[in-house]
PDB file of N, CA and C in Angstrom:
ATOM      1  N   MET A   1      -0.430  -7.192 -16.148  1.00  0.00           N
ATOM      2  CA  MET A   1      -0.652  -7.199 -14.379  1.00  0.00           C
ATOM      3  C   MET A   1      -1.879  -7.885 -14.275  1.00  0.00           C
ATOM      4  N   ASP A   2      -1.967  -8.972 -13.529  1.00  0.00           N
ATOM      5  CA  ASP A   2      -2.944  -9.634 -13.141  1.00  0.00           C
ATOM      6  C   ASP A   2      -3.524  -9.128 -11.759  1.00  0.00           C
ATOM      7  N   LYS A   3      -4.529  -8.454 -11.783  1.00  0.00           N
ATOM      8  CA  LYS A   3      -4.917  -7.755 -10.508  1.00  0.00           C
ATOM      9  C   LYS A   3      -5.400  -8.501  -9.736  1.00  0.00           C
ATOM     10  N   GLN A   4      -6.044  -9.750  -9.911  1.00  0.00           N
ATOM     11  CA  GLN A   4      -6.655 -10.800  -8.871  1.00  0.00           C
ATOM     12  C   GLN A   4      -5.650 -11.198  -8.060  1.00  0.00           C
ATOM     13  N   LYS A   5      -4.181 -11.768  -8.953  1.00  0.00           N
ATOM     14  CA  LYS A   5      -2.933 -12.056  -8.111  1.00  0.00           C
ATOM     15  C   LYS A   5      -2.660 -10.891  -7.185  1.00  0.00           C
ATOM     16  N   LEU A   6      -2.572  -9.843  -7.570  1.00  0.00           N
ATOM     17  CA  LEU A   6      -2.236  -8.446  -6.934  1.00  0.00           C
ATOM     18  C   LEU A   6      -2.980  -8.382  -5.704  1.00  0.00           C
ATOM     19  N   LEU A   7      -4.335  -8.544  -5.815  1.00  0.00           N
ATOM     20  CA  LEU A   7      -5.180  -8.283  -4.569  1.00  0.00           C
ATOM     21  C   LEU A   7      -5.143  -9.645  -3.624  1.00  0.00           C
ATOM     22  N   ASN A   8      -4.864 -10.713  -3.889  1.00  0.00           N
ATOM     23  CA  ASN A   8      -4.659 -11.792  -3.045  1.00  0.00           C
ATOM     24  C   ASN A   8      -3.343 -11.929  -2.489  1.00  0.00           C
ATOM     25  N   ALA A   9      -2.260 -11.286  -3.066  1.00  0.00           N
ATOM     26  CA  ALA A   9      -1.181 -10.818  -2.322  1.00  0.00           C
ATOM     27  C   ALA A   9      -1.130  -9.950  -1.365  1.00  0.00           C
ATOM     28  N   ILE A  10      -1.890  -8.845  -1.518  1.00  0.00           N
ATOM     29  CA  ILE A  10      -2.076  -7.869  -0.591  1.00  0.00           C
ATOM     30  C   ILE A  10      -3.009  -8.559   0.833  1.00  0.00           C
ATOM     31  N   GLY A  11      -4.011  -9.321   0.416  1.00  0.00           N
ATOM     32  CA  GLY A  11      -4.791 -10.027   1.321  1.00  0.00           C
ATOM     33  C   GLY A  11      -3.996 -10.871   2.318  1.00  0.00           C
ATOM     34  N   MET A  12      -3.056 -11.630   1.563  1.00  0.00           N
ATOM     35  CA  MET A  12      -2.125 -12.630   2.257  1.00  0.00           C
ATOM     36  C   MET A  12      -1.317 -11.733   3.178  1.00  0.00           C
ATOM     37  N   ALA A  13      -0.890 -10.600   3.065  1.00  0.00           N
ATOM     38  CA  ALA A  13      -0.096  -9.826   3.803  1.00  0.00           C
ATOM     39  C   ALA A  13      -0.638  -9.143   4.751  1.00  0.00           C
ATOM     40  N   TYR A  14      -2.177  -8.801   4.641  1.00  0.00           N
ATOM     41  CA  TYR A  14      -2.999  -8.228   5.495  1.00  0.00           C
ATOM     42  C   TYR A  14      -2.975  -9.490   6.467  1.00  0.00           C
ATOM     43  N   GLY A  15      -3.494 -10.587   6.236  1.00  0.00           N
ATOM     44  CA  GLY A  15      -3.645 -11.724   7.065  1.00  0.00           C
ATOM     45  C   GLY A  15      -2.414 -11.922   8.029  1.00  0.00           C
ATOM     46  N   SER A  16      -1.176 -11.861   7.655  1.00  0.00           N
ATOM     47  CA  SER A  16      -0.019 -12.026   8.360  1.00  0.00           C
ATOM     48  C   SER A  16       0.343 -10.859   9.187  1.00  0.00           C
ATOM     49  N   ARG A  17      -0.444  -9.891   9.070  1.00  0.00           N
ATOM     50  CA  ARG A  17      -0.084  -8.614   9.944  1.00  0.00           C
ATOM     51  C   ARG A  17       1.037  -8.027   9.412  1.00  0.00           C
ATOM     52  N   ASN A  18       1.341  -7.815   8.226  1.00  0.00           N
ATOM     53  CA  ASN A  18       2.408  -6.886   7.555  1.00  0.00           C
ATOM     54  C   ASN A  18       2.072  -5.952   7.024  1.00  0.00           C
ATOM     55  N   VAL A  19       0.878  -5.521   7.203  1.00  0.00           N
ATOM     56  CA  VAL A  19       0.244  -4.246   6.147  1.00  0.00           C
ATOM     57  C   VAL A  19      -0.134  -3.133   7.456  1.00  0.00           C
ATOM     58  N   ILE A  20       0.368  -2.160   7.055  1.00  0.00           N
ATOM     59  CA  ILE A  20      -0.040  -0.912   8.054  1.00  0.00           C
ATOM     60  C   ILE A  20      -1.126   0.082   7.099  1.00  0.00           C
ATOM     61  N   TYR A  21      -1.890   0.453   8.016  1.00  0.00           N
ATOM     62  CA  TYR A  21      -2.915   1.350   7.295  1.00  0.00           C
ATOM     63  C   TYR A  21      -3.396   2.300   8.119  1.00  0.00           C
ATOM     64  N   GLY A  22      -4.089   3.335   7.860  1.00  0.00           N
ATOM     65  CA  GLY A  22      -4.854   4.377   8.601  1.00  0.00           C
ATOM     66  C   GLY A  22      -3.748   5.593   9.304  1.00  0.00           C
ATOM     67  N   ALA A  23      -4.001   6.140  10.318  1.00  0.00           N
ATOM     68  CA  ALA A  23      -3.307   6.952  10.674  1.00  0.00           C
ATOM     69  C   ALA A  23      -1.707   6.433  11.190  1.00  0.00           C
ATOM     70  N   LYS A  24      -1.581   5.359  11.457  1.00  0.00           N
ATOM     71  CA  LYS A  24      -0.411   4.713  11.910  1.00  0.00           C
ATOM     72  C   LYS A  24       0.509   4.554  10.559  1.00  0.00           C
ATOM     73  N   LEU A  25      -0.023   4.826   9.487  1.00  0.00           N
ATOM     74  CA  LEU A  25       0.873   4.620   8.149  1.00  0.00           C
ATOM     75  C   LEU A  25       2.034   5.920   8.011  1.00  0.00           C
ATOM     76  N   LEU A  26       1.527   7.006   8.217  1.00  0.00           N
ATOM     77  CA  LEU A  26       2.249   8.215   8.251  1.00  0.00           C
ATOM     78  C   LEU A  26       3.442   7.918   9.259  1.00  0.00           C
ATOM     79  N   ASP A  27       3.045   7.655  10.499  1.00  0.00           N
ATOM     80  CA  ASP A  27       4.232   7.627  11.608  1.00  0.00           C
ATOM     81  C   ASP A  27       5.043   6.179  11.186  1.00  0.00           C
ATOM     82  N   PHE A  28       4.779   5.155  10.496  1.00  0.00           N
ATOM     83  CA  PHE A  28       5.537   4.096   9.953  1.00  0.00           C
ATOM     84  C   PHE A  28       6.458   4.709   8.930  1.00  0.00           C
ATOM     85  N   ILE A  29       5.958   5.325   7.939  1.00  0.00           N
ATOM     86  CA  ILE A  29       6.615   6.107   6.628  1.00  0.00           C
ATOM     87  C   ILE A  29       7.809   6.684   7.255  1.00  0.00           C
ATOM     88  N   LYS A  30       7.340   7.849   8.391  1.00  0.00           N
ATOM     89  CA  LYS A  30       8.336   8.431   9.155  1.00  0.00           C
ATOM     90  C   LYS A  30       9.502   7.976   9.800  1.00  0.00           C
ATOM     91  N   GLY A  31       9.237   6.803  10.359  1.00  0.00           N
ATOM     92  CA  GLY A  31      10.293   6.046  10.883  1.00  0.00           C
ATOM     93  C   GLY A  31      11.087   5.135   9.953  1.00  0.00           C
ATOM     94  N   LYS A  32      10.560   5.021   9.085  1.00  0.00           N
ATOM     95  CA  LYS A  32      11.242   4.275   7.884  1.00  0.00           C
ATOM     96  C   LYS A  32      10.953   2.544   8.155  1.00  0.00           C
ATOM     97  N   LYS A  33       9.622   2.453   8.707  1.00  0.00           N
ATOM     98  CA  LYS A  33       9.408   0.759   9.132  1.00  0.00           C
ATOM     99  C   LYS A  33       8.745   0.376   7.972  1.00  0.00           C
ATOM    100  N   VAL A  34       8.368   1.064   6.991  1.00  0.00           N
ATOM    101  CA  VAL A  34       7.548   0.403   5.850  1.00  0.00           C
ATOM    102  C   VAL A  34       8.456   0.572   4.747  1.00  0.00           C
ATOM    103  N   THR A  35       8.457  -0.365   3.934  1.00  0.00           N
ATOM    104  CA  THR A  35       9.594  -0.164   2.686  1.00  0.00           C
ATOM    105  C   THR A  35       8.775   0.119   1.522  1.00  0.00           C
ATOM    106  N   PHE A  36       7.425  -0.075   1.485  1.00  0.00           N
ATOM    107  CA  PHE A  36       6.713   0.063  -0.017  1.00  0.00           C
ATOM    108  C   PHE A  36       5.250   0.512   0.606  1.00  0.00           C
ATOM    109  N   VAL A  37       4.727   1.486  -0.127  1.00  0.00           N
ATOM    110  CA  VAL A  37       3.359   1.636  -0.140  1.00  0.00           C
ATOM    111  C   VAL A  37       2.576   1.811  -1.278  1.00  0.00           C
ATOM    112  N   ILE A  38       1.190   1.300  -1.161  1.00  0.00           N
ATOM    113  CA  ILE A  38       0.327   1.507  -2.314  1.00  0.00           C
ATOM    114  C   ILE A  38      -0.742   2.523  -1.948  1.00  0.00           C
ATOM    115  N   ILE A  39      -1.031   3.372  -2.751  1.00  0.00           N
ATOM    116  CA  ILE A  39      -1.912   4.334  -2.524  1.00  0.00           C
ATOM    117  C   ILE A  39      -3.081   4.367  -3.401  1.00  0.00           C
ATOM    118  N   GLY A  40      -4.238   4.485  -3.073  1.00  0.00           N
ATOM    119  CA  GLY A  40      -5.608   4.192  -3.823  1.00  0.00           C
ATOM    120  C   GLY A  40      -5.549   5.423  -4.954  1.00  0.00           C
ATOM    121  N   SER A  41      -5.913   5.017  -6.103  1.00  0.00           N
ATOM    122  CA  SER A  41      -5.944   6.111  -7.147  1.00  0.00           C
ATOM    123  C   SER A  41      -6.694   7.260  -7.151  1.00  0.00           C
ATOM    124  N   ASN A  42      -8.320   6.734  -6.344  1.00  0.00           N
ATOM    125  CA  ASN A  42      -9.287   7.733  -6.425  1.00  0.00           C
ATOM    126  C   ASN A  42      -9.325   8.083  -5.053  1.00  0.00           C
ATOM    127  N   MET A  43      -8.358   8.423  -4.251  1.00  0.00           N
ATOM    128  CA  MET A  43      -8.364   8.986  -2.998  1.00  0.00           C
ATOM    129  C   MET A  43      -8.330  10.565  -3.153  1.00  0.00           C
ATOM    130  N   GLY A  44      -8.416  11.276  -1.919  1.00  0.00           N
ATOM    131  CA  GLY A  44      -8.706  12.641  -1.910  1.00  0.00           C
ATOM    132  C   GLY A  44      -7.087  13.419  -2.259  1.00  0.00           C
ATOM    133  N   PRO A  45      -7.113  14.358  -3.208  1.00  0.00           N
ATOM    134  CA  PRO A  45      -5.849  15.004  -3.492  1.00  0.00           C
ATOM    135  C   PRO A  45      -5.017  15.328  -2.318  1.00  0.00           C
ATOM    136  N   SER A  46      -5.693  15.911  -0.914  1.00  0.00           N
ATOM    137  CA  SER A  46      -4.863  16.620  -0.104  1.00  0.00           C
ATOM    138  C   SER A  46      -4.439  15.305   0.686  1.00  0.00           C
ATOM    139  N   GLN A  47      -5.126  14.185   1.007  1.00  0.00           N
ATOM    140  CA  GLN A  47      -4.473  12.904   1.610  1.00  0.00           C
ATOM    141  C   GLN A  47      -3.459  12.477   0.668  1.00  0.00           C
ATOM    142  N   LYS A  48      -3.683  12.344  -0.659  1.00  0.00           N
ATOM    143  CA  LYS A  48      -2.720  11.797  -1.655  1.00  0.00           C
ATOM    144  C   LYS A  48      -1.226  12.620  -1.419  1.00  0.00           C
ATOM    145  N   LYS A  49      -1.428  13.822  -1.441  1.00  0.00           N
ATOM    146  CA  LYS A  49      -0.348  14.627  -1.380  1.00  0.00           C
ATOM    147  C   LYS A  49       0.727  14.540  -0.075  1.00  0.00           C
ATOM    148  N   LYS A  50      -0.197  14.625   0.721  1.00  0.00           N
ATOM    149  CA  LYS A  50       0.430  14.215   2.283  1.00  0.00           C
ATOM    150  C   LYS A  50       1.268  13.205   2.196  1.00  0.00           C
ATOM    151  N   ILE A  51       0.569  11.914   1.859  1.00  0.00           N
ATOM    152  CA  ILE A  51       1.420  10.670   1.779  1.00  0.00           C
ATOM    153  C   ILE A  51       2.599  10.706   0.941  1.00  0.00           C
ATOM    154  N   THR A  52       2.251  10.939  -0.215  1.00  0.00           N
ATOM    155  CA  THR A  52       3.416  10.919  -1.402  1.00  0.00           C
ATOM    156  C   THR A  52       4.488  11.897  -0.920  1.00  0.00           C
ATOM    157  N   ASP A  53       4.602  12.911  -0.520  1.00  0.00           N
ATOM    158  CA  ASP A  53       5.391  13.815   0.014  1.00  0.00           C
ATOM    159  C   ASP A  53       6.142  13.163   1.230  1.00  0.00           C
ATOM    160  N   LYS A  54       5.487  12.578   1.739  1.00  0.00           N
ATOM    161  CA  LYS A  54       6.082  11.907   3.342  1.00  0.00           C
ATOM    162  C   LYS A  54       6.909  10.571   2.718  1.00  0.00           C
ATOM    163  N   CYS A  55       6.640  10.201   1.496  1.00  0.00           N
ATOM    164  CA  CYS A  55       7.191   8.983   1.056  1.00  0.00           C
ATOM    165  C   CYS A  55       8.473   9.352   0.279  1.00  0.00           C
ATOM    166  N   LYS A  56       8.250  10.531  -0.459  1.00  0.00           N
ATOM    167  CA  LYS A  56       9.458  11.156  -1.075  1.00  0.00           C
ATOM    168  C   LYS A  56      10.656  11.506  -0.332  1.00  0.00           C
ATOM    169  N   PHE A  57      10.040  12.371   0.795  1.00  0.00           N
ATOM    170  CA  PHE A  57      11.124  12.622   1.732  1.00  0.00           C
ATOM    171  C   PHE A  57      11.591  11.691   2.550  1.00  0.00           C
ATOM    172  N   ASN A  58      11.144  10.704   3.098  1.00  0.00           N
ATOM    173  CA  ASN A  58      11.580   9.404   3.503  1.00  0.00           C
ATOM    174  C   ASN A  58      12.287   8.440   2.436  1.00  0.00           C
ATOM    175  N   GLU A  59      12.233   8.504   1.727  1.00  0.00           N
ATOM    176  CA  GLU A  59      12.727   7.686   0.503  1.00  0.00           C
ATOM    177  C   GLU A  59      12.017   6.331   0.382  1.00  0.00           C
ATOM    178  N   VAL A  60      10.591   6.294   0.601  1.00  0.00           N
ATOM    179  CA  VAL A  60      10.068   5.128   0.735  1.00  0.00           C
ATOM    180  C   VAL A  60       9.331   4.894  -0.774  1.00  0.00           C
ATOM    181  N   GLU A  61       9.476   3.814  -1.404  1.00  0.00           N
ATOM    182  CA  GLU A  61       8.959   3.726  -2.866  1.00  0.00           C
ATOM    183  C   GLU A  61       7.300   3.694  -2.607  1.00  0.00           C
ATOM    184  N   TYR A  62       6.679   4.119  -3.478  1.00  0.00           N
ATOM    185  CA  TYR A  62       5.365   4.174  -3.671  1.00  0.00           C
ATOM    186  C   TYR A  62       4.674   3.847  -5.113  1.00  0.00           C
ATOM    187  N   TRP A  63       3.487   3.376  -5.024  1.00  0.00           N
ATOM    188  CA  TRP A  63       2.657   3.161  -6.360  1.00  0.00           C
ATOM    189  C   TRP A  63       1.158   3.618  -6.032  1.00  0.00           C
ATOM    190  N   ASP A  64       0.800   4.816  -7.113  1.00  0.00           N
ATOM    191  CA  ASP A  64      -0.394   5.385  -6.665  1.00  0.00           C
ATOM    192  C   ASP A  64      -1.403   5.458  -7.643  1.00  0.00           C
ATOM    193  N   ASP A  65      -1.083   4.772  -8.872  1.00  0.00           N
ATOM    194  CA  ASP A  65      -2.345   4.392  -9.875  1.00  0.00           C
ATOM    195  C   ASP A  65      -2.348   2.789 -10.400  1.00  0.00           C
ATOM    196  N   ILE A  66      -2.427   1.983  -9.402  1.00  0.00           N
ATOM    197  CA  ILE A  66      -2.539   0.755  -9.669  1.00  0.00           C
ATOM    198  C   ILE A  66      -4.084   0.133  -9.185  1.00  0.00           C
ATOM    199  N   LEU A  67      -4.347   0.505  -8.097  1.00  0.00           N
ATOM    200  CA  LEU A  67      -5.624  -0.021  -7.380  1.00  0.00           C
ATOM    201  C   LEU A  67      -6.533   1.214  -6.938  1.00  0.00           C
ATOM    202  N   THR A  68      -7.755   1.092  -7.122  1.00  0.00           N
ATOM    203  CA  THR A  68      -8.712   2.045  -6.398  1.00  0.00           C
ATOM    204  C   THR A  68      -8.723   1.695  -4.829  1.00  0.00           C
ATOM    205  N   VAL A  69      -9.353   2.734  -4.254  1.00  0.00           N
ATOM    206  CA  VAL A  69      -9.752   2.710  -2.595  1.00  0.00           C
ATOM    207  C   VAL A  69     -10.725   1.401  -2.491  1.00  0.00           C
ATOM    208  N   GLU A  70     -11.538   1.144  -3.208  1.00  0.00           N
ATOM    209  CA  GLU A  70     -12.454  -0.096  -3.218  1.00  0.00           C
ATOM    210  C   GLU A  70     -11.813  -1.238  -3.275  1.00  0.00           C
ATOM    211  N   GLU A  71     -10.924  -1.224  -4.290  1.00  0.00           N
ATOM    212  CA  GLU A  71     -10.209  -2.571  -4.403  1.00  0.00           C
ATOM    213  C   GLU A  71      -9.120  -2.784  -3.297  1.00  0.00           C
ATOM    214  N   LEU A  72      -8.589  -1.890  -2.542  1.00  0.00           N
ATOM    215  CA  LEU A  72      -7.668  -2.067  -1.879  1.00  0.00           C
ATOM    216  C   LEU A  72      -8.460  -2.481  -0.346  1.00  0.00           C
ATOM    217  N   ALA A  73      -9.637  -1.821  -0.178  1.00  0.00           N
ATOM    218  CA  ALA A  73     -10.459  -2.091   0.887  1.00  0.00           C
ATOM    219  C   ALA A  73     -11.029  -3.822   0.757  1.00  0.00           C
ATOM    220  N   GLN A  74     -11.426  -4.115  -0.359  1.00  0.00           N
ATOM    221  CA  GLN A  74     -11.617  -5.538  -0.601  1.00  0.00           C
ATOM    222  C   GLN A  74     -10.864  -6.481  -0.363  1.00  0.00           C
ATOM    223  N   ALA A  75      -9.354  -6.139  -0.967  1.00  0.00           N
ATOM    224  CA  ALA A  75      -8.349  -7.030  -0.751  1.00  0.00           C
ATOM    225  C   ALA A  75      -8.001  -7.240   0.749  1.00  0.00           C
ATOM    226  N   CYS A  76      -8.175  -6.142   1.717  1.00  0.00           N
ATOM    227  CA  CYS A  76      -8.045  -6.168   3.153  1.00  0.00           C
ATOM    228  C   CYS A  76      -8.983  -6.863   3.907  1.00  0.00           C
ATOM    229  N   GLY A  77     -10.309  -6.980   3.238  1.00  0.00           N
ATOM    230  CA  GLY A  77     -11.610  -7.232   4.176  1.00  0.00           C
ATOM    231  C   GLY A  77     -11.932  -6.192   4.962  1.00  0.00           C
ATOM    232  N   ARG A  78     -11.848  -4.902   4.464  1.00  0.00           N
ATOM    233  CA  ARG A  78     -12.417  -3.912   5.335  1.00  0.00           C
ATOM    234  C   ARG A  78     -13.330  -3.028   4.367  1.00  0.00           C
ATOM    235  N   THR A  79     -14.067  -1.833   4.944  1.00  0.00           N
ATOM    236  CA  THR A  79     -14.841  -1.016   4.373  1.00  0.00           C
ATOM    237  C   THR A  79     -14.264   0.033   3.240  1.00  0.00           C
ATOM    238  N   THR A  80     -12.971   0.544   4.155  1.00  0.00           N
ATOM    239  CA  THR A  80     -12.397   1.499   3.356  1.00  0.00           C
ATOM    240  C   THR A  80     -10.932   1.679   3.897  1.00  0.00           C
ATOM    241  N   ILE A  81     -10.086   1.649   2.762  1.00  0.00           N
ATOM    242  CA  ILE A  81      -8.545   1.907   3.069  1.00  0.00           C
ATOM    243  C   ILE A  81      -7.848   2.656   1.777  1.00  0.00           C
ATOM    244  N   VAL A  82      -7.585   3.630   1.967  1.00  0.00           N
ATOM    245  CA  VAL A  82      -6.933   4.348   1.174  1.00  0.00           C
ATOM    246  C   VAL A  82      -5.511   4.206   0.727  1.00  0.00           C
ATOM    247  N   ALA A  83      -4.746   3.604   1.694  1.00  0.00           N
ATOM    248  CA  ALA A  83      -3.190   3.520   1.617  1.00  0.00           C
ATOM    249  C   ALA A  83      -2.678   2.310   2.367  1.00  0.00           C
ATOM    250  N   VAL A  84      -2.029   1.905   1.682  1.00  0.00           N
ATOM    251  CA  VAL A  84      -1.383   0.594   2.548  1.00  0.00           C
ATOM    252  C   VAL A  84       0.157   0.500   2.462  1.00  0.00           C
ATOM    253  N   GLY A  85       0.927   0.216   3.851  1.00  0.00           N
ATOM    254  CA  GLY A  85       2.263  -0.046   3.858  1.00  0.00           C
ATOM    255  C   GLY A  85       2.686  -1.189   4.055  1.00  0.00           C
ATOM    256  N   PHE A  86       3.948  -1.917   3.275  1.00  0.00           N
ATOM    257  CA  PHE A  86       4.036  -3.166   3.770  1.00  0.00           C
ATOM    258  C   PHE A  86       5.518  -3.064   4.558  1.00  0.00           C
ATOM    259  N   LYS A  87       5.632  -3.860   5.615  1.00  0.00           N
ATOM    260  CA  LYS A  87       6.678  -3.976   6.335  1.00  0.00           C
ATOM    261  C   LYS A  87       7.846  -5.217   6.205  1.00  0.00           C
ATOM    262  N   GLU A  88       7.102  -6.114   5.512  1.00  0.00           N
ATOM    263  CA  GLU A  88       7.958  -7.270   5.196  1.00  0.00           C
ATOM    264  C   GLU A  88       8.676  -7.290   3.821  1.00  0.00           C
ATOM    265  N   GLN A  89       9.763  -7.214   3.299  1.00  0.00           N
ATOM    266  CA  GLN A  89      10.473  -7.071   2.077  1.00  0.00           C
ATOM    267  C   GLN A  89      10.078  -8.291   1.146  1.00  0.00           C
ATOM    268  N   ASN A  90       9.824  -9.478   1.638  1.00  0.00           N
ATOM    269  CA  ASN A  90       9.404 -10.727   1.156  1.00  0.00           C
ATOM    270  C   ASN A  90       7.888 -10.266   0.209  1.00  0.00           C
ATOM    271  N   PHE A  91       7.340  -9.764   1.077  1.00  0.00           N
ATOM    272  CA  PHE A  91       5.711  -9.350   0.410  1.00  0.00           C
ATOM    273  C   PHE A  91       5.963  -8.254  -0.498  1.00  0.00           C
ATOM    274  N   VAL A  92       6.787  -7.262  -0.558  1.00  0.00           N
ATOM    275  CA  VAL A  92       7.282  -6.188  -1.630  1.00  0.00           C
ATOM    276  C   VAL A  92       7.796  -6.997  -2.587  1.00  0.00           C
ATOM    277  N   LYS A  93       8.549  -7.998  -2.911  1.00  0.00           N
ATOM    278  CA  LYS A  93       9.100  -8.538  -3.824  1.00  0.00           C
ATOM    279  C   LYS A  93       8.089  -9.536  -4.502  1.00  0.00           C
ATOM    280  N   LEU A  94       7.129  -9.999  -3.837  1.00  0.00           N
ATOM    281  CA  LEU A  94       6.160 -10.848  -4.471  1.00  0.00           C
ATOM    282  C   LEU A  94       5.008  -9.706  -5.027  1.00  0.00           C
ATOM    283  N   LEU A  95       4.735  -8.388  -4.608  1.00  0.00           N
ATOM    284  CA  LEU A  95       3.782  -7.437  -5.042  1.00  0.00           C
ATOM    285  C   LEU A  95       4.443  -6.935  -6.477  1.00  0.00           C
ATOM    286  N   LYS A  96       5.858  -6.729  -6.348  1.00  0.00           N
ATOM    287  CA  LYS A  96       6.580  -6.343  -7.749  1.00  0.00           C
ATOM    288  C   LYS A  96       6.543  -7.332  -8.765  1.00  0.00           C
ATOM    289  N   SER A  97       6.705  -8.440  -8.379  1.00  0.00           N
ATOM    290  CA  SER A  97       6.668  -9.594  -9.573  1.00  0.00           C
ATOM    291  C   SER A  97       5.216  -9.750 -10.008  1.00  0.00           C
ATOM    292  N   THR A  98       4.213  -9.427  -9.219  1.00  0.00           N
ATOM    293  CA  THR A  98       2.878  -9.562  -9.833  1.00  0.00           C
ATOM    294  C   THR A  98       2.681  -8.254 -10.748  1.00  0.00           C
ATOM    295  N   ILE A  99       3.108  -7.515 -10.457  1.00  0.00           N
ATOM    296  CA  ILE A  99       3.003  -6.139 -11.312  1.00  0.00           C
ATOM    297  C   ILE A  99       3.381  -6.473 -12.623  1.00  0.00           C
ATOM    298  N   LYS A 100       4.873  -6.766 -12.667  1.00  0.00           N
ATOM    299  CA  LYS A 100       5.586  -6.997 -13.783  1.00  0.00           C
ATOM    300  C   LYS A 100       5.243  -7.914 -14.736  1.00  0.00           C
ATOM    301  N   GLN A 101       4.390  -8.711 -14.285  1.00  0.00           N
ATOM    302  CA  GLN A 101       3.869  -9.916 -15.288  1.00  0.00           C
ATOM    303  C   GLN A 101       2.916  -9.429 -16.087  1.00  0.00           C
TER     304      GLN A 101
END
């Protein structure tokens, strides 16, 4: 896995406004408007459980041990982002292909 390529892909998705984060993320997962979620590996356990349970119940794929909270925030150009959801399927394909390399 090339971490820099993954961070660049997340940044590109964020720039094109295909990334959902923050309080809206749970609503988008509930409405099945996101197809893929990346969760920061070092986020709080209660928050992590809330997001993973919501993803499992609504059958949304997620990864939780790939990037830290700081790396996610850096990729998006923000101070803190603990989890991001992706709306566009093409970005999901790009992220998965980057991980498999």
